[in-house]
C-alpha atoms as a PDB file:
ATOM      1  CA  MET A   1      -6.692  -2.916 -17.920  1.00  0.00           C
ATOM      2  CA  LEU A   2      -7.769  -3.508 -14.326  1.00  0.00           C
ATOM      3  CA  ILE A   3     -10.454  -1.733 -12.318  1.00  0.00           C
ATOM      4  CA  ARG A   4     -11.654  -2.334  -8.738  1.00  0.00           C
ATOM      5  CA  LEU A   5     -15.334  -1.986  -7.890  1.00  0.00           C
ATOM      6  CA  ASP A   6     -15.806  -3.527  -4.441  1.00  0.00           C
ATOM      7  CA  GLU A   7     -16.534  -0.046  -3.106  1.00  0.00           C
ATOM      8  CA  PRO A   8     -18.334   2.843  -4.845  1.00  0.00           C
ATOM      9  CA  PRO A   9     -16.182   5.126  -6.975  1.00  0.00           C
ATOM     10  CA  SER A  10     -15.757   8.840  -6.515  1.00  0.00           C
ATOM     11  CA  VAL A  11     -17.596  10.605  -9.348  1.00  0.00           C
ATOM     12  CA  ALA A  12     -15.900  13.867 -10.295  1.00  0.00           C
ATOM     13  CA  ASN A  13     -18.148  14.701 -13.233  1.00  0.00           C
ATOM     14  CA  VAL A  14     -21.008  13.183 -15.195  1.00  0.00           C
ATOM     15  CA  GLY A  15     -22.752  14.739 -18.162  1.00  0.00           C
ATOM     16  CA  VAL A  16     -23.646  14.772 -21.836  1.00  0.00           C
ATOM     17  CA  GLY A  17     -20.841  15.833 -24.156  1.00  0.00           C
ATOM     18  CA  VAL A  18     -21.474  17.379 -27.565  1.00  0.00           C
ATOM     19  CA  HIS A  19     -18.444  17.565 -29.890  1.00  0.00           C
ATOM     20  CA  GLY A  20     -17.539  17.894 -33.541  1.00  0.00           C
ATOM     21  CA  ILE A  21     -19.228  21.268 -34.020  1.00  0.00           C
ATOM     22  CA  ARG A  22     -16.329  23.719 -34.072  1.00  0.00           C
ATOM     23  CA  SER A  23     -13.597  21.145 -34.607  1.00  0.00           C
ATOM     24  CA  LEU A  24     -13.523  17.559 -35.835  1.00  0.00           C
ATOM     25  CA  THR A  25     -10.632  16.718 -33.502  1.00  0.00           C
ATOM     26  CA  ASP A  26     -10.331  16.777 -29.723  1.00  0.00           C
ATOM     27  CA  VAL A  27      -7.453  15.670 -27.495  1.00  0.00           C
ATOM     28  CA  PHE A  28      -7.973  14.787 -23.820  1.00  0.00           C
ATOM     29  CA  ARG A  29      -5.880  13.506 -20.958  1.00  0.00           C
ATOM     30  CA  LEU A  30      -7.160  13.269 -17.390  1.00  0.00           C
ATOM     31  CA  PRO A  31      -4.185  12.724 -15.057  1.00  0.00           C
ATOM     32  CA  ASP A  32      -6.112  11.275 -12.110  1.00  0.00           C
ATOM     33  CA  LEU A  33      -9.499  10.135 -13.410  1.00  0.00           C
ATOM     34  CA  TRP A  34     -10.935   7.304 -15.485  1.00  0.00           C
ATOM     35  CA  GLN A  35     -13.013   8.299 -18.510  1.00  0.00           C
ATOM     36  CA  LEU A  36     -16.245   6.406 -19.155  1.00  0.00           C
ATOM     37  CA  HIS A  37     -18.008   7.156 -22.446  1.00  0.00           C
ATOM     38  CA  LEU A  38     -21.133   5.649 -24.007  1.00  0.00           C
ATOM     39  CA  TYR A  39     -21.257   6.658 -27.660  1.00  0.00           C
ATOM     40  CA  GLY A  40     -24.176   7.527 -29.921  1.00  0.00           C
ATOM     41  CA  TYR A  41     -22.274   8.256 -33.137  1.00  0.00           C
ATOM     42  CA  PRO A  42     -19.658   6.868 -35.569  1.00  0.00           C
ATOM     43  CA  ALA A  43     -16.123   8.210 -35.217  1.00  0.00           C
ATOM     44  CA  GLU A  44     -12.581   7.138 -34.360  1.00  0.00           C
ATOM     45  CA  VAL A  45     -10.588   7.455 -31.177  1.00  0.00           C
ATOM     46  CA  GLU A  46      -6.850   6.997 -30.728  1.00  0.00           C
ATOM     47  CA  ILE A  47      -5.988   5.745 -27.246  1.00  0.00           C
ATOM     48  CA  ASP A  48      -2.282   5.647 -26.430  1.00  0.00           C
ATOM     49  CA  GLY A  49      -1.492   5.390 -30.142  1.00  0.00           C
ATOM     50  CA  VAL A  50      -4.029   2.598 -30.892  1.00  0.00           C
ATOM     51  CA  THR A  51      -7.017   3.526 -33.073  1.00  0.00           C
ATOM     52  CA  HIS A  52     -10.463   2.182 -32.143  1.00  0.00           C
ATOM     53  CA  ALA A  53     -13.645   2.505 -34.185  1.00  0.00           C
ATOM     54  CA  ILE A  54     -16.534   4.222 -32.426  1.00  0.00           C
ATOM     55  CA  ARG A  55     -20.055   3.069 -33.236  1.00  0.00           C
ATOM     56  CA  PRO A  56     -23.397   3.844 -31.598  1.00  0.00           C
ATOM     57  CA  GLY A  57     -23.759   1.598 -28.559  1.00  0.00           C
ATOM     58  CA  ARG A  58     -20.048   1.158 -27.909  1.00  0.00           C
ATOM     59  CA  VAL A  59     -18.592   2.006 -24.539  1.00  0.00           C
ATOM     60  CA  SER A  60     -15.041   2.923 -23.599  1.00  0.00           C
ATOM     61  CA  LEU A  61     -13.333   2.929 -20.216  1.00  0.00           C
ATOM     62  CA  ILE A  62      -9.996   4.745 -20.296  1.00  0.00           C
ATOM     63  CA  PRO A  63      -7.558   4.759 -17.349  1.00  0.00           C
ATOM     64  CA  PRO A  64      -5.967   7.918 -15.910  1.00  0.00           C
ATOM     65  CA  GLY A  65      -3.037   9.563 -17.636  1.00  0.00           C
ATOM     66  CA  THR A  66      -3.975   8.181 -21.061  1.00  0.00           C
ATOM     67  CA  GLN A  67      -3.913  10.544 -24.034  1.00  0.00           C
ATOM     68  CA  VAL A  68      -7.096  10.282 -26.092  1.00  0.00           C
ATOM     69  CA  ARG A  69      -7.548  11.811 -29.552  1.00  0.00           C
ATOM     70  CA  TYR A  70     -11.042  11.859 -31.058  1.00  0.00           C
ATOM     71  CA  ARG A  71     -11.710  12.273 -34.776  1.00  0.00           C
ATOM     72  CA  TYR A  72     -15.368  13.153 -35.361  1.00  0.00           C
ATOM     73  CA  ARG A  73     -17.471  13.151 -38.526  1.00  0.00           C
ATOM     74  CA  GLY A  74     -19.811  15.928 -37.459  1.00  0.00           C
ATOM     75  CA  ARG A  75     -21.956  16.695 -34.437  1.00  0.00           C
ATOM     76  CA  SER A  76     -21.265  13.902 -31.917  1.00  0.00           C
ATOM     77  CA  GLU A  77     -23.064  13.355 -28.608  1.00  0.00           C
ATOM     78  CA  HIS A  78     -22.149  10.940 -25.844  1.00  0.00           C
ATOM     79  CA  VAL A  79     -22.871  10.401 -22.169  1.00  0.00           C
ATOM     80  CA  TYR A  80     -19.808  10.364 -19.953  1.00  0.00           C
ATOM     81  CA  ALA A  81     -18.566  10.066 -16.400  1.00  0.00           C
ATOM     82  CA  HIS A  82     -15.154  10.896 -14.962  1.00  0.00           C
ATOM     83  CA  VAL A  83     -14.512   8.689 -11.960  1.00  0.00           C
ATOM     84  CA  ARG A  84     -11.912   7.639  -9.430  1.00  0.00           C
ATOM     85  CA  PRO A  85     -12.512   3.965  -8.547  1.00  0.00           C
ATOM     86  CA  ALA A  86     -11.747   2.523  -5.148  1.00  0.00           C
ATOM     87  CA  GLU A  87      -8.256   1.095  -4.679  1.00  0.00           C
ATOM     88  CA  VAL A  88      -9.322  -1.998  -2.750  1.00  0.00           C
ATOM     89  CA  GLY A  89     -10.997  -5.262  -3.645  1.00  0.00           C
ATOM     90  CA  GLN A  90     -10.830  -7.664  -6.551  1.00  0.00           C
ATOM     91  CA  ALA A  91      -9.381  -6.338  -9.811  1.00  0.00           C
ATOM     92  CA  HIS A  92     -11.501  -6.856 -12.933  1.00  0.00           C
ATOM     93  CA  THR A  93     -10.096  -6.887 -16.450  1.00  0.00           C
ATOM     94  CA  VAL A  94     -12.017  -4.622 -18.835  1.00  0.00           C
ATOM     95  CA  PRO A  95     -11.313  -3.856 -22.528  1.00  0.00           C
ATOM     96  CA  VAL A  96     -10.723  -0.214 -23.298  1.00  0.00           C
ATOM     97  CA  MET A  97     -13.478  -0.364 -25.959  1.00  0.00           C
ATOM     98  CA  GLN A  98     -16.373  -2.813 -26.293  1.00  0.00           C
ATOM     99  CA  ASP A  99     -19.855  -3.109 -27.756  1.00  0.00           C
ATOM    100  CA  ALA A 100     -22.594  -2.808 -25.143  1.00  0.00           C
ATOM    101  CA  GLY A 101     -25.049  -4.572 -27.463  1.00  0.00           C
ATOM    102  CA  ALA A 102     -28.511  -4.980 -25.946  1.00  0.00           C
ATOM    103  CA  GLU A 103     -27.264  -3.355 -22.732  1.00  0.00           C
ATOM    104  CA  ALA A 104     -26.627   0.007 -24.447  1.00  0.00           C
ATOM    105  CA  PRO A 105     -30.121   1.540 -23.953  1.00  0.00           C
ATOM    106  CA  LEU A 106     -30.125   0.571 -20.276  1.00  0.00           C
ATOM    107  CA  LEU A 107     -26.605   1.929 -19.729  1.00  0.00           C
ATOM    108  CA  ALA A 108     -27.597   5.173 -21.462  1.00  0.00           C
ATOM    109  CA  ALA A 109     -30.702   5.513 -19.286  1.00  0.00           C
ATOM    110  CA  MET A 110     -28.709   4.865 -16.103  1.00  0.00           C
ATOM    111  CA  LEU A 111     -26.038   7.396 -17.033  1.00  0.00           C
ATOM    112  CA  ARG A 112     -28.649  10.012 -17.878  1.00  0.00           C
ATOM    113  CA  GLN A 113     -30.276   9.365 -14.503  1.00  0.00           C
ATOM    114  CA  ALA A 114     -26.866   9.981 -12.963  1.00  0.00           C
ATOM    115  CA  VAL A 115     -26.590  13.262 -14.896  1.00  0.00           C
ATOM    116  CA  ALA A 116     -30.022  14.355 -13.643  1.00  0.00           C
ATOM    117  CA  ALA A 117     -29.251  13.348 -10.055  1.00  0.00           C
ATOM    118  CA  SER A 118     -25.758  14.816  -9.865  1.00  0.00           C
ATOM    119  CA  PRO A 119     -26.559  18.432  -8.836  1.00  0.00           C
ATOM    120  CA  GLY A 120     -29.096  17.665  -6.107  1.00  0.00           C
ATOM    121  CA  THR A 121     -28.414  14.106  -4.966  1.00  0.00           C
ATOM    122  CA  PRO A 122     -24.804  13.227  -5.808  1.00  0.00           C
ATOM    123  CA  SER A 123     -25.034   9.957  -3.872  1.00  0.00           C
ATOM    124  CA  ARG A 124     -27.707   8.801  -6.344  1.00  0.00           C
ATOM    125  CA  ALA A 125     -25.381   9.721  -9.210  1.00  0.00           C
ATOM    126  CA  VAL A 126     -22.598   7.654  -7.624  1.00  0.00           C
ATOM    127  CA  ALA A 127     -24.969   4.684  -7.252  1.00  0.00           C
ATOM    128  CA  GLU A 128     -26.007   4.855 -10.919  1.00  0.00           C
ATOM    129  CA  VAL A 129     -22.421   5.170 -12.178  1.00  0.00           C
ATOM    130  CA  TRP A 130     -21.270   2.342  -9.914  1.00  0.00           C
ATOM    131  CA  ALA A 131     -24.017   0.087 -11.310  1.00  0.00           C
ATOM    132  CA  VAL A 132     -23.028   1.051 -14.856  1.00  0.00           C
ATOM    133  CA  LEU A 133     -19.398   0.158 -14.172  1.00  0.00           C
ATOM    134  CA  TRP A 134     -20.411  -3.277 -12.867  1.00  0.00           C
ATOM    135  CA  ARG A 135     -22.485  -3.876 -16.001  1.00  0.00           C
ATOM    136  CA  ILE A 136     -19.564  -2.833 -18.180  1.00  0.00           C
ATOM    137  CA  VAL A 137     -17.303  -5.305 -16.393  1.00  0.00           C
ATOM    138  CA  GLN A 138     -19.871  -8.013 -17.124  1.00  0.00           C
ATOM    139  CA  LEU A 139     -19.918  -7.131 -20.845  1.00  0.00           C
ATOM    140  CA  SER A 140     -16.524  -8.863 -21.159  1.00  0.00           C
ATOM    141  CA  PRO A 141     -16.046  -9.960 -24.794  1.00  0.00           C
ATOM    142  CA  ALA A 142     -16.254 -13.495 -26.121  1.00  0.00           C
ATOM    143  CA  LEU A 143     -13.877 -15.970 -24.539  1.00  0.00           C
ATOM    144  CA  GLU A 144     -12.469 -19.250 -25.774  1.00  0.00           C
ATOM    145  CA  GLY A 145     -14.807 -21.518 -27.712  1.00  0.00           C
ATOM    146  CA  GLY A 146     -17.022 -18.556 -28.569  1.00  0.00           C
ATOM    147  CA  ARG A 147     -18.643 -18.578 -25.119  1.00  0.00           C
ATOM    148  CA  SER A 148     -19.475 -15.183 -23.705  1.00  0.00           C
ATOM    149  CA  HIS A 149     -19.097 -13.893 -20.203  1.00  0.00           C
ATOM    150  CA  ALA A 150     -22.832 -14.496 -19.746  1.00  0.00           C
ATOM    151  CA  ALA A 151     -22.120 -18.214 -19.229  1.00  0.00           C
ATOM    152  CA  VAL A 152     -19.646 -17.473 -16.449  1.00  0.00           C
ATOM    153  CA  SER A 153     -22.134 -15.002 -14.963  1.00  0.00           C
ATOM    154  CA  ALA A 154     -24.768 -17.742 -14.921  1.00  0.00           C
ATOM    155  CA  ALA A 155     -22.381 -20.067 -13.093  1.00  0.00           C
ATOM    156  CA  VAL A 156     -21.453 -17.394 -10.549  1.00  0.00           C
ATOM    157  CA  ALA A 157     -25.118 -16.478  -9.997  1.00  0.00           C
ATOM    158  CA  HIS A 158     -25.933 -20.135  -9.340  1.00  0.00           C
ATOM    159  CA  ILE A 159     -23.086 -20.410  -6.856  1.00  0.00           C
ATOM    160  CA  GLU A 160     -24.096 -17.227  -5.024  1.00  0.00           C
ATOM    161  CA  ALA A 161     -27.727 -18.369  -4.771  1.00  0.00           C
ATOM    162  CA  ASN A 162     -26.808 -21.806  -3.454  1.00  0.00           C
ATOM    163  CA  LEU A 163     -23.868 -21.304  -1.089  1.00  0.00           C
ATOM    164  CA  ALA A 164     -25.893 -22.735   1.784  1.00  0.00           C
ATOM    165  CA  GLY A 165     -26.395 -26.098   0.076  1.00  0.00           C
ATOM    166  CA  PRO A 166     -24.219 -28.748  -1.528  1.00  0.00           C
ATOM    167  CA  LEU A 167     -22.570 -27.500  -4.714  1.00  0.00           C
ATOM    168  CA  THR A 168     -20.862 -29.722  -7.266  1.00  0.00           C
ATOM    169  CA  VAL A 169     -18.960 -28.776 -10.395  1.00  0.00           C
ATOM    170  CA  PRO A 170     -21.346 -30.722 -12.712  1.00  0.00           C
ATOM    171  CA  GLN A 171     -24.306 -28.973 -11.078  1.00  0.00           C
ATOM    172  CA  VAL A 172     -22.797 -25.509 -11.600  1.00  0.00           C
ATOM    173  CA  ALA A 173     -21.755 -26.400 -15.163  1.00  0.00           C
ATOM    174  CA  ALA A 174     -25.316 -27.472 -15.947  1.00  0.00           C
ATOM    175  CA  ALA A 175     -26.600 -24.122 -14.688  1.00  0.00           C
ATOM    176  CA  ALA A 176     -24.128 -22.407 -17.019  1.00  0.00           C
ATOM    177  CA  GLY A 177     -24.986 -24.681 -19.954  1.00  0.00           C
ATOM    178  CA  MET A 178     -21.494 -26.059 -20.586  1.00  0.00           C
ATOM    179  CA  SER A 179     -19.220 -28.953 -19.719  1.00  0.00           C
ATOM    180  CA  HIS A 180     -17.501 -28.820 -16.338  1.00  0.00           C
ATOM    181  CA  ASN A 181     -14.053 -28.823 -18.024  1.00  0.00           C
ATOM    182  CA  HIS A 182     -15.015 -25.840 -20.171  1.00  0.00           C
ATOM    183  CA  LEU A 183     -16.482 -24.019 -17.187  1.00  0.00           C
ATOM    184  CA  THR A 184     -13.301 -24.618 -15.184  1.00  0.00           C
ATOM    185  CA  ARG A 185     -11.196 -23.077 -17.984  1.00  0.00           C
ATOM    186  CA  LEU A 186     -13.462 -20.054 -18.352  1.00  0.00           C
ATOM    187  CA  LEU A 187     -13.822 -19.397 -14.641  1.00  0.00           C
ATOM    188  CA  ARG A 188     -10.073 -19.694 -14.126  1.00  0.00           C
ATOM    189  CA  ALA A 189      -9.533 -17.187 -16.965  1.00  0.00           C
ATOM    190  CA  GLU A 190     -11.982 -14.782 -15.333  1.00  0.00           C
ATOM    191  CA  THR A 191     -11.155 -15.197 -11.646  1.00  0.00           C
ATOM    192  CA  GLY A 192      -7.940 -17.205 -11.389  1.00  0.00           C
ATOM    193  CA  ASP A 193      -9.827 -19.941  -9.488  1.00  0.00           C
ATOM    194  CA  THR A 194     -11.111 -23.388 -10.327  1.00  0.00           C
ATOM    195  CA  VAL A 195     -14.819 -23.901  -9.674  1.00  0.00           C
ATOM    196  CA  ILE A 196     -14.148 -25.651  -6.353  1.00  0.00           C
ATOM    197  CA  ALA A 197     -11.673 -22.955  -5.283  1.00  0.00           C
ATOM    198  CA  TYR A 198     -14.137 -20.217  -6.236  1.00  0.00           C
ATOM    199  CA  ILE A 199     -16.925 -21.841  -4.204  1.00  0.00           C
ATOM    200  CA  ARG A 200     -14.582 -22.240  -1.231  1.00  0.00           C
ATOM    201  CA  ARG A 201     -13.418 -18.623  -1.476  1.00  0.00           C
ATOM    202  CA  ARG A 202     -16.940 -17.214  -1.724  1.00  0.00           C
ATOM    203  CA  ARG A 203     -18.097 -19.298   1.239  1.00  0.00           C
ATOM    204  CA  MET A 204     -15.268 -17.975   3.346  1.00  0.00           C
ATOM    205  CA  GLU A 205     -15.763 -14.387   2.195  1.00  0.00           C
ATOM    206  CA  ARG A 206     -19.425 -14.599   3.157  1.00  0.00           C
ATOM    207  CA  ALA A 207     -18.554 -16.263   6.458  1.00  0.00           C
ATOM    208  CA  ARG A 208     -16.071 -13.506   7.322  1.00  0.00           C
ATOM    209  CA  HIS A 209     -18.649 -10.842   6.497  1.00  0.00           C
ATOM    210  CA  LEU A 210     -21.328 -12.472   8.635  1.00  0.00           C
ATOM    211  CA  LEU A 211     -18.961 -13.094  11.533  1.00  0.00           C
ATOM    212  CA  ARG A 212     -17.943  -9.443  11.614  1.00  0.00           C
ATOM    213  CA  GLU A 213     -21.167  -7.701  10.639  1.00  0.00           C
ATOM    214  CA  SER A 214     -24.039  -9.860  11.894  1.00  0.00           C
ATOM    215  CA  THR A 215     -25.304 -11.209  15.202  1.00  0.00           C
ATOM    216  CA  LEU A 216     -25.974 -14.673  13.778  1.00  0.00           C
ATOM    217  CA  SER A 217     -24.558 -17.483  15.854  1.00  0.00           C
ATOM    218  CA  ILE A 218     -21.447 -19.207  14.570  1.00  0.00           C
ATOM    219  CA  SER A 219     -23.421 -22.403  14.011  1.00  0.00           C
ATOM    220  CA  ALA A 220     -25.994 -20.474  11.951  1.00  0.00           C
ATOM    221  CA  ILE A 221     -23.269 -18.834   9.867  1.00  0.00           C
ATOM    222  CA  ALA A 222     -21.664 -22.216   9.246  1.00  0.00           C
ATOM    223  CA  ALA A 223     -25.000 -23.480   7.909  1.00  0.00           C
ATOM    224  CA  VAL A 224     -25.577 -20.348   5.802  1.00  0.00           C
ATOM    225  CA  VAL A 225     -22.271 -20.872   3.983  1.00  0.00           C
ATOM    226  CA  GLY A 226     -22.825 -24.563   3.379  1.00  0.00           C
ATOM    227  CA  ILE A 227     -20.461 -26.002   6.027  1.00  0.00           C
ATOM    228  CA  PRO A 228     -22.873 -27.057   8.791  1.00  0.00           C
ATOM    229  CA  ASP A 229     -20.305 -29.255  10.563  1.00  0.00           C
ATOM    230  CA  LEU A 230     -18.776 -26.880  13.134  1.00  0.00           C
ATOM    231  CA  GLN A 231     -15.473 -28.719  13.283  1.00  0.00           C
ATOM    232  CA  ALA A 232     -15.135 -28.525   9.491  1.00  0.00           C
ATOM    233  CA  PHE A 233     -16.173 -24.853   9.555  1.00  0.00           C
ATOM    234  CA  ASN A 234     -13.582 -24.098  12.224  1.00  0.00           C
ATOM    235  CA  LYS A 235     -10.863 -25.809  10.186  1.00  0.00           C
ATOM    236  CA  ALA A 236     -11.941 -23.987   7.006  1.00  0.00           C
ATOM    237  CA  CYS A 237     -11.789 -20.601   8.746  1.00  0.00           C
ATOM    238  CA  ARG A 238      -8.344 -21.297  10.139  1.00  0.00           C
ATOM    239  CA  ARG A 239      -7.091 -22.548   6.767  1.00  0.00           C
ATOM    240  CA  GLU A 240      -8.670 -19.881   4.525  1.00  0.00           C
ATOM    241  CA  LEU A 241      -8.997 -16.857   6.836  1.00  0.00           C
ATOM    242  CA  GLY A 242      -6.104 -17.477   9.186  1.00  0.00           C
ATOM    243  CA  ALA A 243      -8.084 -17.502  12.435  1.00  0.00           C
ATOM    244  CA  SER A 244     -10.890 -19.289  14.247  1.00  0.00           C
ATOM    245  CA  PRO A 245     -14.482 -18.082  13.824  1.00  0.00           C
ATOM    246  CA  ARG A 246     -14.443 -16.656  17.379  1.00  0.00           C
ATOM    247  CA  ALA A 247     -11.238 -14.722  16.700  1.00  0.00           C
ATOM    248  CA  ILE A 248     -12.628 -13.353  13.441  1.00  0.00           C
ATOM    249  CA  ARG A 249     -15.809 -12.241  15.189  1.00  0.00           C
ATOM    250  CA  GLY A 250     -13.814 -10.399  17.828  1.00  0.00           C
ATOM    251  CA  PRO A 251     -15.060  -9.111  21.195  1.00  0.00           C
ATOM    252  CA  GLY A 252     -18.724  -9.388  22.030  1.00  0.00           C
ATOM    253  CA  PRO A 253     -21.313 -12.050  22.745  1.00  0.00           C
ATOM    254  CA  VAL A 254     -20.684 -15.259  20.820  1.00  0.00           C
ATOM    255  CA  THR A 255     -22.932 -18.315  20.744  1.00  0.00           C
END
């Protein structure tokens, strides 16, 4: 399933659910909201006819309109949030159920902070839930060759930290601890881009942001995104963003 997180979600409800006391079965369906649950008990859940095992530390993210049937084994407590994600930005693929592993205690603490903040400072609750959703996206299960999403995250982090300098595929692959061919396959599976295409896209996305939102000179922005040659930067903007840097910046003082 796909979820978009470029902007903060709307949080309709966040809390601690206690079930399995009066009945060992519950059926839910939220027409317009995603269901996020972090579990602290063993049970089973049937999601659109597919049964998933629940274990302590597992997390589920269920899209709107999905019928969910829980089968408990006794008193069962979980932390939950019902959210409406933004409809813009990059779509991320997330399994409906996955093991949070070592992240589970942190996710639980963040969600409980959201619960505590919700009545008085709802914006803080939104921030906590948004951060949790990003961490869940990054939990993505093992990919080909047994490599986990952590390797791709390491590559992306290296790219983001070094956009201003020269970046090569072997250099990024070394930061991720894998061969450049393997990294290219994994990154394409995650983002749809080769390493070079991903670097180019992120440079242009950062350039567009700085052109529109900052007062940095065009030459400074070109340097910040690793294309210090102004002619090359101009060509890249026209090719990737469809307009010159001055046109992207719009009215106002330009240097």
